[in-house]
Amino acid sequence: MRRLRIDEDIRPLSEFRSGVASFLKQVHDTRRPLVITQHGRGVAVLVDVHEFESMRERLELLEDLYIADRQLQAGEGIDHDEAKARVLKRLGR
C-alpha cells in the first residue's frame, strides 16, 4: 500500500459525503487509503479493494508465521529434511 499523503488523504466526513464518487476514484487511482474524520478525529479508513485483499493475504501469512514460531518454540517442529521427505511423499515422488 502506498503511503498516506496528509494533505490529500485525510478528509472530513462532510466533504466525503458531498463527493463520494470523486473520493472513491481517488482511492482507486492512487491506491492510497483515505482517512475520514468526524469532529477532527479519524473515524474510518477507505481502502481500495485490491489493496484490502493484499493486506488480508499478508496478515494471513504473518499469522501462519506466528503460529509456526510458537510451535517451534514449543518443540513441535520438524527439521528441513523431514519436512521435505513428507512433501515429496505426498507428491508421490
PDB file of N, CA and C in Angstrom:
ATOM      1  N   MET A   1       0.851  -1.172   0.000  1.00  0.00           N
ATOM      2  CA  MET A   1       0.000   0.000   0.000  1.00  0.00           C
ATOM      3  C   MET A   1       0.895   1.232   0.000  1.00  0.00           C
ATOM      4  N   ARG A   2       0.502   2.194  -0.745  1.00  0.00           N
ATOM      5  CA  ARG A   2       1.272   3.429  -0.807  1.00  0.00           C
ATOM      6  C   ARG A   2       1.075   4.257   0.450  1.00  0.00           C
ATOM      7  N   ARG A   3       2.045   5.094   0.725  1.00  0.00           N
ATOM      8  CA  ARG A   3       1.996   5.933   1.923  1.00  0.00           C
ATOM      9  C   ARG A   3       0.915   7.003   1.811  1.00  0.00           C
ATOM     10  N   LEU A   4       0.329   7.279   2.926  1.00  0.00           N
ATOM     11  CA  LEU A   4      -0.706   8.296   3.053  1.00  0.00           C
ATOM     12  C   LEU A   4      -0.092   9.679   2.850  1.00  0.00           C
ATOM     13  N   ARG A   5      -0.758  10.528   2.111  1.00  0.00           N
ATOM     14  CA  ARG A   5      -0.342  11.924   1.968  1.00  0.00           C
ATOM     15  C   ARG A   5      -1.283  12.759   2.824  1.00  0.00           C
ATOM     16  N   ILE A   6      -0.738  13.326   3.873  1.00  0.00           N
ATOM     17  CA  ILE A   6      -1.539  14.053   4.851  1.00  0.00           C
ATOM     18  C   ILE A   6      -2.401  15.134   4.189  1.00  0.00           C
ATOM     19  N   ASP A   7      -1.846  15.858   3.242  1.00  0.00           N
ATOM     20  CA  ASP A   7      -2.579  16.968   2.631  1.00  0.00           C
ATOM     21  C   ASP A   7      -3.678  16.530   1.667  1.00  0.00           C
ATOM     22  N   GLU A   8      -3.647  15.285   1.191  1.00  0.00           N
ATOM     23  CA  GLU A   8      -4.630  14.825   0.216  1.00  0.00           C
ATOM     24  C   GLU A   8      -5.532  13.698   0.725  1.00  0.00           C
ATOM     25  N   ASP A   9      -5.075  12.967   1.718  1.00  0.00           N
ATOM     26  CA  ASP A   9      -5.744  11.721   2.070  1.00  0.00           C
ATOM     27  C   ASP A   9      -6.433  11.722   3.429  1.00  0.00           C
ATOM     28  N   ILE A  10      -6.635  12.873   4.004  1.00  0.00           N
ATOM     29  CA  ILE A  10      -7.414  12.987   5.240  1.00  0.00           C
ATOM     30  C   ILE A  10      -8.510  14.008   4.969  1.00  0.00           C
ATOM     31  N   ARG A  11      -9.750  13.547   5.044  1.00  0.00           N
ATOM     32  CA  ARG A  11     -10.881  14.408   4.694  1.00  0.00           C
ATOM     33  C   ARG A  11     -11.971  14.319   5.743  1.00  0.00           C
ATOM     34  N   PRO A  12     -12.664  15.428   5.992  1.00  0.00           N
ATOM     35  CA  PRO A  12     -13.787  15.385   6.934  1.00  0.00           C
ATOM     36  C   PRO A  12     -14.982  14.658   6.315  1.00  0.00           C
ATOM     37  N   LEU A  13     -15.785  14.072   7.178  1.00  0.00           N
ATOM     38  CA  LEU A  13     -16.960  13.331   6.749  1.00  0.00           C
ATOM     39  C   LEU A  13     -17.880  14.185   5.879  1.00  0.00           C
ATOM     40  N   SER A  14     -18.068  15.446   6.236  1.00  0.00           N
ATOM     41  CA  SER A  14     -18.960  16.318   5.459  1.00  0.00           C
ATOM     42  C   SER A  14     -18.470  16.469   4.018  1.00  0.00           C
ATOM     43  N   GLU A  15     -17.167  16.570   3.829  1.00  0.00           N
ATOM     44  CA  GLU A  15     -16.601  16.683   2.486  1.00  0.00           C
ATOM     45  C   GLU A  15     -16.731  15.347   1.749  1.00  0.00           C
ATOM     46  N   PHE A  16     -16.544  14.259   2.467  1.00  0.00           N
ATOM     47  CA  PHE A  16     -16.675  12.933   1.872  1.00  0.00           C
ATOM     48  C   PHE A  16     -18.099  12.699   1.383  1.00  0.00           C
ATOM     49  N   ARG A  17     -19.078  13.068   2.201  1.00  0.00           N
ATOM     50  CA  ARG A  17     -20.489  12.881   1.823  1.00  0.00           C
ATOM     51  C   ARG A  17     -20.819  13.573   0.509  1.00  0.00           C
ATOM     52  N   SER A  18     -20.306  14.784   0.340  1.00  0.00           N
ATOM     53  CA  SER A  18     -20.664  15.552  -0.855  1.00  0.00           C
ATOM     54  C   SER A  18     -19.873  15.144  -2.093  1.00  0.00           C
ATOM     55  N   GLY A  19     -18.810  14.356  -1.920  1.00  0.00           N
ATOM     56  CA  GLY A  19     -18.006  13.975  -3.080  1.00  0.00           C
ATOM     57  C   GLY A  19     -17.591  12.523  -3.078  1.00  0.00           C
ATOM     58  N   VAL A  20     -18.502  11.649  -2.681  1.00  0.00           N
ATOM     59  CA  VAL A  20     -18.180  10.228  -2.550  1.00  0.00           C
ATOM     60  C   VAL A  20     -17.539   9.667  -3.815  1.00  0.00           C
ATOM     61  N   ALA A  21     -18.132   9.902  -4.960  1.00  0.00           N
ATOM     62  CA  ALA A  21     -17.631   9.323  -6.209  1.00  0.00           C
ATOM     63  C   ALA A  21     -16.197   9.761  -6.495  1.00  0.00           C
ATOM     64  N   SER A  22     -15.897  11.036  -6.274  1.00  0.00           N
ATOM     65  CA  SER A  22     -14.534  11.503  -6.551  1.00  0.00           C
ATOM     66  C   SER A  22     -13.531  10.906  -5.572  1.00  0.00           C
ATOM     67  N   PHE A  23     -13.942  10.693  -4.323  1.00  0.00           N
ATOM     68  CA  PHE A  23     -13.041  10.094  -3.342  1.00  0.00           C
ATOM     69  C   PHE A  23     -12.815   8.609  -3.638  1.00  0.00           C
ATOM     70  N   LEU A  24     -13.858   7.915  -4.095  1.00  0.00           N
ATOM     71  CA  LEU A  24     -13.689   6.523  -4.496  1.00  0.00           C
ATOM     72  C   LEU A  24     -12.709   6.418  -5.667  1.00  0.00           C
ATOM     73  N   LYS A  25     -12.836   7.327  -6.618  1.00  0.00           N
ATOM     74  CA  LYS A  25     -11.918   7.346  -7.756  1.00  0.00           C
ATOM     75  C   LYS A  25     -10.495   7.634  -7.287  1.00  0.00           C
ATOM     76  N   GLN A  26     -10.338   8.572  -6.373  1.00  0.00           N
ATOM     77  CA  GLN A  26      -9.016   8.910  -5.848  1.00  0.00           C
ATOM     78  C   GLN A  26      -8.358   7.683  -5.199  1.00  0.00           C
ATOM     79  N   VAL A  27      -9.109   6.980  -4.362  1.00  0.00           N
ATOM     80  CA  VAL A  27      -8.573   5.800  -3.678  1.00  0.00           C
ATOM     81  C   VAL A  27      -8.201   4.723  -4.699  1.00  0.00           C
ATOM     82  N   HIS A  28      -9.049   4.533  -5.687  1.00  0.00           N
ATOM     83  CA  HIS A  28      -8.776   3.533  -6.722  1.00  0.00           C
ATOM     84  C   HIS A  28      -7.540   3.915  -7.539  1.00  0.00           C
ATOM     85  N   ASP A  29      -7.459   5.158  -7.964  1.00  0.00           N
ATOM     86  CA  ASP A  29      -6.361   5.605  -8.833  1.00  0.00           C
ATOM     87  C   ASP A  29      -5.016   5.657  -8.114  1.00  0.00           C
ATOM     88  N   THR A  30      -5.016   6.141  -6.886  1.00  0.00           N
ATOM     89  CA  THR A  30      -3.749   6.326  -6.165  1.00  0.00           C
ATOM     90  C   THR A  30      -3.321   5.100  -5.377  1.00  0.00           C
ATOM     91  N   ARG A  31      -4.278   4.211  -5.076  1.00  0.00           N
ATOM     92  CA  ARG A  31      -4.038   3.041  -4.218  1.00  0.00           C
ATOM     93  C   ARG A  31      -3.603   3.447  -2.813  1.00  0.00           C
ATOM     94  N   ARG A  32      -3.896   4.697  -2.453  1.00  0.00           N
ATOM     95  CA  ARG A  32      -3.613   5.170  -1.102  1.00  0.00           C
ATOM     96  C   ARG A  32      -4.914   5.170  -0.310  1.00  0.00           C
ATOM     97  N   PRO A  33      -4.834   4.904   0.992  1.00  0.00           N
ATOM     98  CA  PRO A  33      -6.047   4.947   1.813  1.00  0.00           C
ATOM     99  C   PRO A  33      -6.515   6.381   2.010  1.00  0.00           C
ATOM    100  N   LEU A  34      -7.779   6.529   2.339  1.00  0.00           N
ATOM    101  CA  LEU A  34      -8.358   7.835   2.640  1.00  0.00           C
ATOM    102  C   LEU A  34      -8.893   7.780   4.064  1.00  0.00           C
ATOM    103  N   VAL A  35      -8.389   8.655   4.911  1.00  0.00           N
ATOM    104  CA  VAL A  35      -8.841   8.720   6.296  1.00  0.00           C
ATOM    105  C   VAL A  35      -9.999   9.707   6.366  1.00  0.00           C
ATOM    106  N   ILE A  36     -11.100   9.267   6.925  1.00  0.00           N
ATOM    107  CA  ILE A  36     -12.279  10.118   7.069  1.00  0.00           C
ATOM    108  C   ILE A  36     -12.372  10.541   8.530  1.00  0.00           C
ATOM    109  N   THR A  37     -12.514  11.844   8.733  1.00  0.00           N
ATOM    110  CA  THR A  37     -12.570  12.361  10.095  1.00  0.00           C
ATOM    111  C   THR A  37     -13.965  12.890  10.413  1.00  0.00           C
ATOM    112  N   GLN A  38     -14.255  12.913  11.695  1.00  0.00           N
ATOM    113  CA  GLN A  38     -15.504  13.500  12.186  1.00  0.00           C
ATOM    114  C   GLN A  38     -15.143  14.241  13.464  1.00  0.00           C
ATOM    115  N   HIS A  39     -15.474  15.510  13.504  1.00  0.00           N
ATOM    116  CA  HIS A  39     -15.125  16.363  14.635  1.00  0.00           C
ATOM    117  C   HIS A  39     -13.616  16.344  14.895  1.00  0.00           C
ATOM    118  N   GLY A  40     -12.836  16.305  13.807  1.00  0.00           N
ATOM    119  CA  GLY A  40     -11.388  16.371  13.914  1.00  0.00           C
ATOM    120  C   GLY A  40     -10.689  15.083  14.296  1.00  0.00           C
ATOM    121  N   ARG A  41     -11.417  14.007  14.383  1.00  0.00           N
ATOM    122  CA  ARG A  41     -10.816  12.716  14.754  1.00  0.00           C
ATOM    123  C   ARG A  41     -11.062  11.686  13.661  1.00  0.00           C
ATOM    124  N   GLY A  42     -10.086  10.827  13.451  1.00  0.00           N
ATOM    125  CA  GLY A  42     -10.240   9.764  12.470  1.00  0.00           C
ATOM    126  C   GLY A  42     -11.315   8.783  12.898  1.00  0.00           C
ATOM    127  N   VAL A  43     -12.258   8.481  12.000  1.00  0.00           N
ATOM    128  CA  VAL A  43     -13.340   7.538  12.321  1.00  0.00           C
ATOM    129  C   VAL A  43     -13.400   6.354  11.351  1.00  0.00           C
ATOM    130  N   ALA A  44     -12.786   6.480  10.178  1.00  0.00           N
ATOM    131  CA  ALA A  44     -12.839   5.388   9.207  1.00  0.00           C
ATOM    132  C   ALA A  44     -11.698   5.544   8.208  1.00  0.00           C
ATOM    133  N   VAL A  45     -11.379   4.438   7.556  1.00  0.00           N
ATOM    134  CA  VAL A  45     -10.367   4.452   6.503  1.00  0.00           C
ATOM    135  C   VAL A  45     -10.968   3.756   5.287  1.00  0.00           C
ATOM    136  N   LEU A  46     -10.918   4.414   4.152  1.00  0.00           N
ATOM    137  CA  LEU A  46     -11.397   3.853   2.898  1.00  0.00           C
ATOM    138  C   LEU A  46     -10.186   3.338   2.133  1.00  0.00           C
ATOM    139  N   VAL A  47     -10.232   2.049   1.745  1.00  0.00           N
ATOM    140  CA  VAL A  47      -9.098   1.412   1.093  1.00  0.00           C
ATOM    141  C   VAL A  47      -9.576   0.754  -0.195  1.00  0.00           C
ATOM    142  N   ASP A  48      -8.764   0.823  -1.237  1.00  0.00           N
ATOM    143  CA  ASP A  48      -9.051   0.154  -2.496  1.00  0.00           C
ATOM    144  C   ASP A  48      -9.210  -1.345  -2.251  1.00  0.00           C
ATOM    145  N   VAL A  49     -10.137  -1.974  -2.926  1.00  0.00           N
ATOM    146  CA  VAL A  49     -10.444  -3.388  -2.688  1.00  0.00           C
ATOM    147  C   VAL A  49      -9.231  -4.284  -2.951  1.00  0.00           C
ATOM    148  N   HIS A  50      -8.430  -3.971  -3.962  1.00  0.00           N
ATOM    149  CA  HIS A  50      -7.244  -4.783  -4.251  1.00  0.00           C
ATOM    150  C   HIS A  50      -6.203  -4.628  -3.147  1.00  0.00           C
ATOM    151  N   GLU A  51      -6.062  -3.421  -2.633  1.00  0.00           N
ATOM    152  CA  GLU A  51      -5.145  -3.186  -1.522  1.00  0.00           C
ATOM    153  C   GLU A  51      -5.632  -3.914  -0.268  1.00  0.00           C
ATOM    154  N   PHE A  52      -6.941  -3.914  -0.058  1.00  0.00           N
ATOM    155  CA  PHE A  52      -7.506  -4.606   1.091  1.00  0.00           C
ATOM    156  C   PHE A  52      -7.210  -6.104   1.024  1.00  0.00           C
ATOM    157  N   GLU A  53      -7.436  -6.700  -0.143  1.00  0.00           N
ATOM    158  CA  GLU A  53      -7.154  -8.129  -0.319  1.00  0.00           C
ATOM    159  C   GLU A  53      -5.677  -8.422  -0.102  1.00  0.00           C
ATOM    160  N   SER A  54      -4.822  -7.560  -0.599  1.00  0.00           N
ATOM    161  CA  SER A  54      -3.384  -7.732  -0.410  1.00  0.00           C
ATOM    162  C   SER A  54      -3.016  -7.668   1.073  1.00  0.00           C
ATOM    163  N   MET A  55      -3.623  -6.741   1.800  1.00  0.00           N
ATOM    164  CA  MET A  55      -3.373  -6.635   3.242  1.00  0.00           C
ATOM    165  C   MET A  55      -3.851  -7.893   3.959  1.00  0.00           C
ATOM    166  N   ARG A  56      -5.008  -8.405   3.574  1.00  0.00           N
ATOM    167  CA  ARG A  56      -5.525  -9.631   4.199  1.00  0.00           C
ATOM    168  C   ARG A  56      -4.596 -10.802   3.967  1.00  0.00           C
ATOM    169  N   GLU A  57      -4.076 -10.936   2.744  1.00  0.00           N
ATOM    170  CA  GLU A  57      -3.158 -12.027   2.430  1.00  0.00           C
ATOM    171  C   GLU A  57      -1.881 -11.924   3.258  1.00  0.00           C
ATOM    172  N   ARG A  58      -1.344 -10.704   3.376  1.00  0.00           N
ATOM    173  CA  ARG A  58      -0.136 -10.509   4.183  1.00  0.00           C
ATOM    174  C   ARG A  58      -0.409 -10.818   5.651  1.00  0.00           C
ATOM    175  N   LEU A  59      -1.566 -10.419   6.143  1.00  0.00           N
ATOM    176  CA  LEU A  59      -1.916 -10.688   7.532  1.00  0.00           C
ATOM    177  C   LEU A  59      -2.044 -12.193   7.777  1.00  0.00           C
ATOM    178  N   GLU A  60      -2.675 -12.908   6.856  1.00  0.00           N
ATOM    179  CA  GLU A  60      -2.796 -14.360   6.992  1.00  0.00           C
ATOM    180  C   GLU A  60      -1.422 -15.022   7.026  1.00  0.00           C
ATOM    181  N   LEU A  61      -0.507 -14.553   6.166  1.00  0.00           N
ATOM    182  CA  LEU A  61       0.842 -15.098   6.153  1.00  0.00           C
ATOM    183  C   LEU A  61       1.548 -14.822   7.481  1.00  0.00           C
ATOM    184  N   LEU A  62       1.414 -13.611   7.994  1.00  0.00           N
ATOM    185  CA  LEU A  62       2.023 -13.277   9.283  1.00  0.00           C
ATOM    186  C   LEU A  62       1.448 -14.128  10.415  1.00  0.00           C
ATOM    187  N   GLU A  63       0.144 -14.375  10.374  1.00  0.00           N
ATOM    188  CA  GLU A  63      -0.473 -15.233  11.386  1.00  0.00           C
ATOM    189  C   GLU A  63       0.074 -16.655  11.292  1.00  0.00           C
ATOM    190  N   ASP A  64       0.248 -17.170  10.078  1.00  0.00           N
ATOM    191  CA  ASP A  64       0.825 -18.504   9.902  1.00  0.00           C
ATOM    192  C   ASP A  64       2.249 -18.554  10.447  1.00  0.00           C
ATOM    193  N   LEU A  65       3.027 -17.510  10.174  1.00  0.00           N
ATOM    194  CA  LEU A  65       4.398 -17.455  10.689  1.00  0.00           C
ATOM    195  C   LEU A  65       4.418 -17.398  12.206  1.00  0.00           C
ATOM    196  N   TYR A  66       3.501 -16.658  12.781  1.00  0.00           N
ATOM    197  CA  TYR A  66       3.416 -16.559  14.237  1.00  0.00           C
ATOM    198  C   TYR A  66       3.092 -17.930  14.848  1.00  0.00           C
ATOM    199  N   ILE A  67       2.141 -18.625  14.262  1.00  0.00           N
ATOM    200  CA  ILE A  67       1.776 -19.957  14.752  1.00  0.00           C
ATOM    201  C   ILE A  67       2.960 -20.919  14.618  1.00  0.00           C
ATOM    202  N   ALA A  68       3.632 -20.879  13.471  1.00  0.00           N
ATOM    203  CA  ALA A  68       4.783 -21.752  13.255  1.00  0.00           C
ATOM    204  C   ALA A  68       5.888 -21.455  14.266  1.00  0.00           C
ATOM    205  N   ASP A  69       6.128 -20.184  14.535  1.00  0.00           N
ATOM    206  CA  ASP A  69       7.157 -19.817  15.514  1.00  0.00           C
ATOM    207  C   ASP A  69       6.803 -20.350  16.899  1.00  0.00           C
ATOM    208  N   ARG A  70       5.539 -20.219  17.279  1.00  0.00           N
ATOM    209  CA  ARG A  70       5.106 -20.743  18.585  1.00  0.00           C
ATOM    210  C   ARG A  70       5.273 -22.262  18.648  1.00  0.00           C
ATOM    211  N   GLN A  71       4.948 -22.939  17.563  1.00  0.00           N
ATOM    212  CA  GLN A  71       5.094 -24.389  17.522  1.00  0.00           C
ATOM    213  C   GLN A  71       6.567 -24.793  17.636  1.00  0.00           C
ATOM    214  N   LEU A  72       7.434 -24.075  16.937  1.00  0.00           N
ATOM    215  CA  LEU A  72       8.863 -24.388  17.012  1.00  0.00           C
ATOM    216  C   LEU A  72       9.400 -24.165  18.419  1.00  0.00           C
ATOM    217  N   GLN A  73       8.979 -23.082  19.049  1.00  0.00           N
ATOM    218  CA  GLN A  73       9.441 -22.797  20.401  1.00  0.00           C
ATOM    219  C   GLN A  73       8.930 -23.826  21.403  1.00  0.00           C
ATOM    220  N   ALA A  74       7.812 -24.458  21.088  1.00  0.00           N
ATOM    221  CA  ALA A  74       7.258 -25.494  21.965  1.00  0.00           C
ATOM    222  C   ALA A  74       7.829 -26.869  21.634  1.00  0.00           C
ATOM    223  N   GLY A  75       8.770 -26.917  20.699  1.00  0.00           N
ATOM    224  CA  GLY A  75       9.393 -28.180  20.332  1.00  0.00           C
ATOM    225  C   GLY A  75       8.543 -29.046  19.427  1.00  0.00           C
ATOM    226  N   GLU A  76       7.568 -28.457  18.764  1.00  0.00           N
ATOM    227  CA  GLU A  76       6.651 -29.225  17.914  1.00  0.00           C
ATOM    228  C   GLU A  76       7.064 -29.253  16.452  1.00  0.00           C
ATOM    229  N   GLY A  77       8.174 -28.643  16.126  1.00  0.00           N
ATOM    230  CA  GLY A  77       8.580 -28.560  14.728  1.00  0.00           C
ATOM    231  C   GLY A  77       9.328 -29.796  14.264  1.00  0.00           C
ATOM    232  N   ILE A  78       9.537 -29.866  12.956  1.00  0.00           N
ATOM    233  CA  ILE A  78      10.350 -30.931  12.371  1.00  0.00           C
ATOM    234  C   ILE A  78      11.456 -30.276  11.569  1.00  0.00           C
ATOM    235  N   ASP A  79      12.546 -31.010  11.364  1.00  0.00           N
ATOM    236  CA  ASP A  79      13.654 -30.402  10.632  1.00  0.00           C
ATOM    237  C   ASP A  79      13.369 -30.387   9.130  1.00  0.00           C
ATOM    238  N   HIS A  80      14.208 -29.683   8.405  1.00  0.00           N
ATOM    239  CA  HIS A  80      14.018 -29.456   6.975  1.00  0.00           C
ATOM    240  C   HIS A  80      13.940 -30.763   6.192  1.00  0.00           C
ATOM    241  N   ASP A  81      14.865 -31.682   6.466  1.00  0.00           N
ATOM    242  CA  ASP A  81      14.901 -32.939   5.707  1.00  0.00           C
ATOM    243  C   ASP A  81      13.611 -33.744   5.893  1.00  0.00           C
ATOM    244  N   GLU A  82      13.104 -33.772   7.122  1.00  0.00           N
ATOM    245  CA  GLU A  82      11.853 -34.492   7.385  1.00  0.00           C
ATOM    246  C   GLU A  82      10.685 -33.824   6.660  1.00  0.00           C
ATOM    247  N   ALA A  83      10.631 -32.516   6.705  1.00  0.00           N
ATOM    248  CA  ALA A  83       9.551 -31.781   6.022  1.00  0.00           C
ATOM    249  C   ALA A  83       9.605 -32.034   4.519  1.00  0.00           C
ATOM    250  N   LYS A  84      10.802 -31.987   3.960  1.00  0.00           N
ATOM    251  CA  LYS A  84      10.971 -32.223   2.529  1.00  0.00           C
ATOM    252  C   LYS A  84      10.520 -33.636   2.162  1.00  0.00           C
ATOM    253  N   ALA A  85      10.903 -34.618   2.982  1.00  0.00           N
ATOM    254  CA  ALA A  85      10.512 -36.011   2.723  1.00  0.00           C
ATOM    255  C   ALA A  85       8.992 -36.157   2.756  1.00  0.00           C
ATOM    256  N   ARG A  86       8.338 -35.520   3.701  1.00  0.00           N
ATOM    257  CA  ARG A  86       6.872 -35.602   3.790  1.00  0.00           C
ATOM    258  C   ARG A  86       6.199 -34.990   2.560  1.00  0.00           C
ATOM    259  N   VAL A  87       6.703 -33.838   2.132  1.00  0.00           N
ATOM    260  CA  VAL A  87       6.112 -33.176   0.960  1.00  0.00           C
ATOM    261  C   VAL A  87       6.309 -34.033  -0.287  1.00  0.00           C
ATOM    262  N   LEU A  88       7.520 -34.558  -0.469  1.00  0.00           N
ATOM    263  CA  LEU A  88       7.768 -35.389  -1.644  1.00  0.00           C
ATOM    264  C   LEU A  88       6.925 -36.654  -1.618  1.00  0.00           C
ATOM    265  N   LYS A  89       6.715 -37.221  -0.440  1.00  0.00           N
ATOM    266  CA  LYS A  89       5.871 -38.413  -0.322  1.00  0.00           C
ATOM    267  C   LYS A  89       4.444 -38.119  -0.745  1.00  0.00           C
ATOM    268  N   ARG A  90       3.927 -36.953  -0.306  1.00  0.00           N
ATOM    269  CA  ARG A  90       2.551 -36.565  -0.685  1.00  0.00           C
ATOM    270  C   ARG A  90       2.434 -36.324  -2.183  1.00  0.00           C
ATOM    271  N   LEU A  91       3.514 -35.851  -2.781  1.00  0.00           N
ATOM    272  CA  LEU A  91       3.504 -35.597  -4.227  1.00  0.00           C
ATOM    273  C   LEU A  91       3.739 -36.868  -5.028  1.00  0.00           C
ATOM    274  N   GLY A  92       4.044 -37.954  -4.321  1.00  0.00           N
ATOM    275  CA  GLY A  92       4.249 -39.231  -4.996  1.00  0.00           C
ATOM    276  C   GLY A  92       5.602 -39.367  -5.643  1.00  0.00           C
ATOM    277  N   ARG A  93       6.585 -38.667  -5.111  1.00  0.00           N
ATOM    278  CA  ARG A  93       7.941 -38.742  -5.706  1.00  0.00           C
ATOM    279  C   ARG A  93       8.868 -39.529  -4.845  1.00  0.00           C
TER     280      ARG A  93
END
